[in-house]
N, C-alpha and C. Protein backbone atom coordinates (compact mmCIF):
# COMPACT_ATOMS: atom_id res chain seq x y z
N MET A 1 135.26 155.89 51.15
CA MET A 1 134.09 155.68 51.98
C MET A 1 133.70 156.99 52.70
N TYR A 2 134.68 157.69 53.24
CA TYR A 2 134.40 158.93 53.95
C TYR A 2 133.84 160.00 53.01
N ASP A 3 134.36 160.06 51.79
CA ASP A 3 133.85 161.04 50.81
C ASP A 3 132.39 160.74 50.47
N LYS A 4 132.07 159.47 50.33
CA LYS A 4 130.68 159.08 50.03
C LYS A 4 129.76 159.44 51.18
N LEU A 5 130.22 159.22 52.40
CA LEU A 5 129.39 159.56 53.55
C LEU A 5 129.21 161.07 53.67
N ARG A 6 130.27 161.82 53.41
CA ARG A 6 130.15 163.29 53.45
C ARG A 6 129.12 163.76 52.42
N ASN A 7 129.14 163.16 51.23
CA ASN A 7 128.14 163.49 50.20
C ASN A 7 126.73 163.21 50.71
N GLU A 8 126.56 162.11 51.41
CA GLU A 8 125.25 161.78 52.00
C GLU A 8 124.84 162.83 53.02
N PHE A 9 125.74 163.16 53.93
CA PHE A 9 125.42 164.10 54.99
C PHE A 9 125.18 165.52 54.47
N GLU A 10 125.81 165.86 53.36
CA GLU A 10 125.64 167.20 52.77
C GLU A 10 124.51 167.23 51.74
N ALA A 11 123.73 166.16 51.66
CA ALA A 11 122.62 166.05 50.70
C ALA A 11 123.13 166.30 49.28
N GLY A 12 124.23 165.66 48.97
CA GLY A 12 124.83 165.80 47.65
C GLY A 12 124.11 164.98 46.60
N GLU A 13 124.73 164.94 45.44
CA GLU A 13 124.16 164.25 44.29
C GLU A 13 123.85 162.79 44.60
N ASN A 14 122.64 162.36 44.25
CA ASN A 14 122.17 160.97 44.42
C ASN A 14 122.13 160.50 45.88
N SER A 15 122.08 161.43 46.80
CA SER A 15 122.06 161.04 48.22
C SER A 15 120.64 160.77 48.69
N PHE A 16 120.55 160.03 49.77
CA PHE A 16 119.27 159.77 50.40
C PHE A 16 118.60 161.08 50.82
N LEU A 17 119.37 161.97 51.43
CA LEU A 17 118.80 163.22 51.94
C LEU A 17 118.27 164.13 50.85
N ILE A 18 118.95 164.19 49.72
CA ILE A 18 118.47 165.08 48.65
C ILE A 18 117.14 164.58 48.10
N THR A 19 117.00 163.28 47.99
CA THR A 19 115.73 162.72 47.52
C THR A 19 114.63 162.94 48.55
N LEU A 20 114.97 162.74 49.80
CA LEU A 20 114.00 162.93 50.88
C LEU A 20 113.53 164.38 50.93
N ARG A 21 114.47 165.29 50.83
CA ARG A 21 114.15 166.71 50.96
C ARG A 21 113.46 167.29 49.73
N CYS A 22 113.98 167.02 48.56
CA CYS A 22 113.48 167.67 47.35
C CYS A 22 112.31 166.95 46.69
N GLU A 23 112.33 165.63 46.74
CA GLU A 23 111.27 164.87 46.08
C GLU A 23 110.23 164.34 47.05
N LEU A 24 110.46 164.56 48.35
CA LEU A 24 109.58 164.01 49.39
C LEU A 24 109.35 162.52 49.17
N LYS A 25 110.45 161.83 48.92
CA LYS A 25 110.39 160.41 48.63
C LYS A 25 111.42 159.70 49.50
N TRP A 26 110.99 158.61 50.13
CA TRP A 26 111.90 157.78 50.91
C TRP A 26 112.45 156.73 49.96
N ASP A 27 113.66 156.93 49.50
CA ASP A 27 114.32 156.01 48.58
C ASP A 27 115.03 154.93 49.40
N TRP A 28 114.44 153.74 49.41
CA TRP A 28 114.96 152.67 50.27
C TRP A 28 116.37 152.25 49.88
N ASP A 29 116.66 152.17 48.60
CA ASP A 29 118.00 151.79 48.17
C ASP A 29 119.02 152.83 48.64
N ALA A 30 118.70 154.09 48.47
CA ALA A 30 119.59 155.16 48.92
C ALA A 30 119.72 155.17 50.44
N PHE A 31 118.62 154.88 51.13
CA PHE A 31 118.67 154.83 52.59
C PHE A 31 119.66 153.77 53.05
N TYR A 32 119.56 152.57 52.50
CA TYR A 32 120.45 151.49 52.94
C TYR A 32 121.89 151.70 52.48
N LYS A 33 122.08 152.39 51.38
CA LYS A 33 123.44 152.76 50.97
C LYS A 33 124.04 153.68 52.02
N CYS A 34 123.25 154.64 52.46
CA CYS A 34 123.69 155.59 53.47
C CYS A 34 123.93 154.91 54.82
N THR A 35 123.00 154.09 55.28
CA THR A 35 123.16 153.47 56.59
C THR A 35 124.30 152.45 56.59
N SER A 36 124.55 151.82 55.46
CA SER A 36 125.68 150.92 55.37
C SER A 36 126.99 151.69 55.53
N LEU A 37 127.09 152.83 54.86
CA LEU A 37 128.26 153.70 55.03
C LEU A 37 128.38 154.18 56.48
N MET A 38 127.27 154.56 57.06
CA MET A 38 127.29 155.04 58.45
C MET A 38 127.81 153.94 59.38
N TYR A 39 127.35 152.73 59.17
CA TYR A 39 127.81 151.63 60.02
C TYR A 39 129.32 151.43 59.88
N GLU A 40 129.79 151.38 58.65
CA GLU A 40 131.22 151.15 58.42
C GLU A 40 132.07 152.27 59.03
N VAL A 41 131.64 153.51 58.84
CA VAL A 41 132.40 154.63 59.39
C VAL A 41 132.35 154.62 60.91
N ALA A 42 131.21 154.31 61.49
CA ALA A 42 131.12 154.25 62.95
C ALA A 42 132.09 153.21 63.51
N MET A 43 132.20 152.08 62.85
CA MET A 43 133.12 151.05 63.31
C MET A 43 134.57 151.52 63.21
N LEU A 44 134.91 152.24 62.15
CA LEU A 44 136.26 152.78 62.01
C LEU A 44 136.53 153.88 63.03
N GLU A 45 135.56 154.75 63.23
CA GLU A 45 135.72 155.86 64.16
C GLU A 45 135.88 155.38 65.60
N ASN A 46 135.29 154.25 65.93
CA ASN A 46 135.41 153.72 67.28
C ASN A 46 136.82 153.25 67.59
N GLN A 47 137.66 153.15 66.58
CA GLN A 47 139.06 152.78 66.76
C GLN A 47 139.93 154.00 67.05
N LYS A 48 139.36 155.19 66.89
CA LYS A 48 140.13 156.43 67.02
C LYS A 48 139.85 157.10 68.37
N PRO A 49 140.76 157.96 68.81
CA PRO A 49 140.55 158.64 70.08
C PRO A 49 139.50 159.76 70.04
N ALA A 50 139.20 160.27 68.83
CA ALA A 50 138.23 161.36 68.71
C ALA A 50 137.48 161.23 67.38
N ILE A 51 136.29 161.80 67.35
CA ILE A 51 135.44 161.78 66.15
C ILE A 51 135.52 163.15 65.49
N ASP A 52 135.73 163.16 64.18
CA ASP A 52 135.71 164.44 63.45
C ASP A 52 134.33 165.09 63.59
N MET A 53 134.33 166.40 63.69
CA MET A 53 133.09 167.14 63.91
C MET A 53 132.05 166.87 62.84
N TRP A 54 132.43 166.84 61.56
CA TRP A 54 131.46 166.65 60.49
C TRP A 54 130.78 165.29 60.59
N ILE A 55 131.51 164.29 61.07
CA ILE A 55 130.93 162.96 61.23
C ILE A 55 129.92 162.98 62.37
N ALA A 56 130.30 163.55 63.50
CA ALA A 56 129.38 163.64 64.64
C ALA A 56 128.12 164.41 64.27
N GLN A 57 128.30 165.54 63.60
CA GLN A 57 127.15 166.35 63.19
C GLN A 57 126.27 165.59 62.20
N GLY A 58 126.88 164.86 61.29
CA GLY A 58 126.13 164.09 60.30
C GLY A 58 125.29 162.99 60.94
N PHE A 59 125.87 162.25 61.86
CA PHE A 59 125.12 161.19 62.54
C PHE A 59 123.98 161.80 63.36
N TRP A 60 124.26 162.90 64.05
CA TRP A 60 123.22 163.55 64.84
C TRP A 60 122.11 164.07 63.93
N SER A 61 122.47 164.68 62.81
CA SER A 61 121.47 165.20 61.89
C SER A 61 120.62 164.09 61.29
N MET A 62 121.25 163.01 60.91
CA MET A 62 120.49 161.89 60.35
C MET A 62 119.47 161.38 61.37
N ASP A 63 119.89 161.29 62.61
CA ASP A 63 118.99 160.79 63.65
C ASP A 63 117.86 161.77 63.96
N THR A 64 118.11 163.05 63.88
CA THR A 64 117.09 164.03 64.27
C THR A 64 116.35 164.64 63.08
N TRP A 65 117.11 165.15 62.10
CA TRP A 65 116.48 165.86 60.99
C TRP A 65 115.59 164.95 60.16
N VAL A 66 116.04 163.74 59.86
CA VAL A 66 115.23 162.82 59.04
C VAL A 66 113.90 162.54 59.72
N LYS A 67 113.95 162.32 61.01
CA LYS A 67 112.73 162.05 61.78
C LYS A 67 111.78 163.26 61.72
N GLU A 68 112.34 164.45 61.93
CA GLU A 68 111.51 165.66 61.91
C GLU A 68 110.92 165.90 60.52
N TRP A 69 111.75 165.82 59.49
CA TRP A 69 111.32 166.12 58.13
C TRP A 69 110.24 165.15 57.66
N SER A 70 110.38 163.89 57.99
CA SER A 70 109.45 162.88 57.49
C SER A 70 108.29 162.60 58.45
N SER A 71 108.22 163.31 59.56
CA SER A 71 107.14 163.05 60.52
C SER A 71 105.84 163.79 60.19
N ASN A 72 105.90 164.71 59.25
CA ASN A 72 104.68 165.40 58.84
C ASN A 72 103.66 164.39 58.35
N GLU A 73 102.43 164.56 58.75
CA GLU A 73 101.39 163.59 58.39
C GLU A 73 101.17 163.48 56.88
N ASN A 74 101.57 164.50 56.13
CA ASN A 74 101.42 164.46 54.67
C ASN A 74 102.61 163.80 53.96
N PHE A 75 103.66 163.49 54.72
CA PHE A 75 104.81 162.83 54.10
C PHE A 75 104.40 161.40 53.74
N PRO A 76 104.62 161.00 52.49
CA PRO A 76 104.19 159.66 52.07
C PRO A 76 105.05 158.55 52.70
N ARG A 77 104.38 157.66 53.43
CA ARG A 77 105.06 156.53 54.06
C ARG A 77 104.29 155.26 53.69
N PRO A 78 104.57 154.69 52.53
CA PRO A 78 103.79 153.52 52.08
C PRO A 78 104.02 152.28 52.93
N GLN A 79 105.13 152.22 53.68
CA GLN A 79 105.43 151.07 54.52
C GLN A 79 105.69 151.57 55.95
N PRO A 80 104.63 151.86 56.71
CA PRO A 80 104.82 152.48 58.03
C PRO A 80 105.71 151.69 58.99
N GLU A 81 105.62 150.39 59.02
CA GLU A 81 106.45 149.60 59.94
C GLU A 81 107.92 149.64 59.53
N LYS A 82 108.16 149.58 58.23
CA LYS A 82 109.53 149.67 57.72
C LYS A 82 110.10 151.05 58.00
N TYR A 83 109.27 152.07 57.88
CA TYR A 83 109.68 153.44 58.17
C TYR A 83 110.07 153.57 59.65
N LYS A 84 109.27 153.02 60.55
CA LYS A 84 109.60 153.07 61.98
C LYS A 84 110.92 152.37 62.25
N GLN A 85 111.14 151.24 61.59
CA GLN A 85 112.39 150.52 61.76
C GLN A 85 113.56 151.36 61.22
N ALA A 86 113.35 152.06 60.13
CA ALA A 86 114.41 152.90 59.55
C ALA A 86 114.82 153.99 60.53
N LEU A 87 113.86 154.62 61.19
CA LEU A 87 114.19 155.64 62.18
C LEU A 87 114.96 155.03 63.35
N MET A 88 114.59 153.82 63.73
CA MET A 88 115.28 153.12 64.81
C MET A 88 116.73 152.83 64.39
N ILE A 89 116.94 152.43 63.14
CA ILE A 89 118.29 152.15 62.65
C ILE A 89 119.15 153.41 62.74
N LEU A 90 118.62 154.55 62.32
CA LEU A 90 119.37 155.80 62.40
C LEU A 90 119.74 156.13 63.85
N ASN A 91 118.82 155.94 64.75
CA ASN A 91 119.08 156.20 66.16
C ASN A 91 120.15 155.26 66.71
N GLU A 92 120.07 154.01 66.34
CA GLU A 92 121.03 153.03 66.86
C GLU A 92 122.41 153.20 66.22
N LEU A 93 122.48 153.70 65.00
CA LEU A 93 123.78 154.01 64.41
C LEU A 93 124.43 155.18 65.14
N ALA A 94 123.64 156.18 65.50
CA ALA A 94 124.16 157.30 66.29
C ALA A 94 124.65 156.79 67.65
N TYR A 95 123.89 155.90 68.26
CA TYR A 95 124.29 155.30 69.54
C TYR A 95 125.63 154.59 69.38
N LEU A 96 125.79 153.83 68.31
CA LEU A 96 127.03 153.12 68.04
C LEU A 96 128.20 154.10 67.93
N LEU A 97 128.02 155.16 67.17
CA LEU A 97 129.10 156.13 67.00
C LEU A 97 129.46 156.80 68.32
N PHE A 98 128.47 157.28 69.04
CA PHE A 98 128.74 158.08 70.23
C PHE A 98 129.08 157.26 71.47
N ASN A 99 128.64 156.03 71.53
CA ASN A 99 128.91 155.20 72.71
C ASN A 99 129.95 154.12 72.46
N GLY A 100 130.32 153.91 71.21
CA GLY A 100 131.36 152.95 70.91
C GLY A 100 130.93 151.50 70.95
N GLU A 101 129.65 151.29 71.09
CA GLU A 101 129.15 149.91 71.11
C GLU A 101 127.75 149.87 70.52
N SER A 102 127.41 148.73 70.01
CA SER A 102 126.08 148.53 69.44
C SER A 102 125.08 148.29 70.57
N PRO A 103 123.84 148.70 70.39
CA PRO A 103 122.82 148.38 71.39
C PRO A 103 122.44 146.90 71.37
N TYR A 104 123.01 146.14 70.44
CA TYR A 104 122.75 144.70 70.33
C TYR A 104 123.98 143.92 70.76
N MET A 105 123.76 142.70 71.19
CA MET A 105 124.86 141.83 71.61
C MET A 105 125.53 141.14 70.42
N ASP A 106 124.86 141.12 69.28
CA ASP A 106 125.38 140.41 68.12
C ASP A 106 125.50 141.38 66.94
N ASN A 107 125.50 140.89 65.74
CA ASN A 107 125.68 141.75 64.56
C ASN A 107 124.34 142.20 63.96
N THR A 108 123.31 142.27 64.76
CA THR A 108 121.98 142.68 64.29
C THR A 108 122.00 144.07 63.67
N LEU A 109 122.67 145.02 64.29
CA LEU A 109 122.69 146.38 63.76
C LEU A 109 123.37 146.41 62.39
N GLU A 110 124.44 145.69 62.23
CA GLU A 110 125.11 145.64 60.93
C GLU A 110 124.16 145.10 59.87
N LYS A 111 123.44 144.03 60.20
CA LYS A 111 122.49 143.45 59.25
C LYS A 111 121.37 144.43 58.92
N LEU A 112 120.86 145.12 59.92
CA LEU A 112 119.79 146.10 59.69
C LEU A 112 120.29 147.26 58.82
N ALA A 113 121.48 147.77 59.14
CA ALA A 113 122.03 148.91 58.41
C ALA A 113 122.32 148.57 56.96
N LYS A 114 122.67 147.32 56.71
CA LYS A 114 123.02 146.89 55.36
C LYS A 114 121.86 146.16 54.66
N ASN A 115 120.71 146.17 55.31
CA ASN A 115 119.52 145.49 54.79
C ASN A 115 119.83 144.04 54.43
N ASP A 116 120.52 143.40 55.35
CA ASP A 116 120.94 142.01 55.15
C ASP A 116 120.22 141.10 56.15
N VAL A 117 118.91 141.30 56.24
CA VAL A 117 118.12 140.49 57.19
C VAL A 117 117.15 139.61 56.46
């Protein structure tokens, strides 16, 4: 799981970031694969006394870089409301990692991250 997430954060082969950056395409399947991994890793990391630097940097980058890269008015966003929700999911996953708790009282974030709604 950690190797897969590192591949995502490094914009490796078949990652959400590589498609976003090189093809200027928001690949929803790749996005949810990535956010599902992020959720699972955040839950595991919250059991530990410290977060590895690459994980912290990856969560921060996903929350900030994706928003910046895709905010250009020429970036194709065929589903604007879904896109806004996707940015919210990235932000809330970062919140989960850094604060150790979900911004929700129930398992809503897990469902959103795994596209299980």
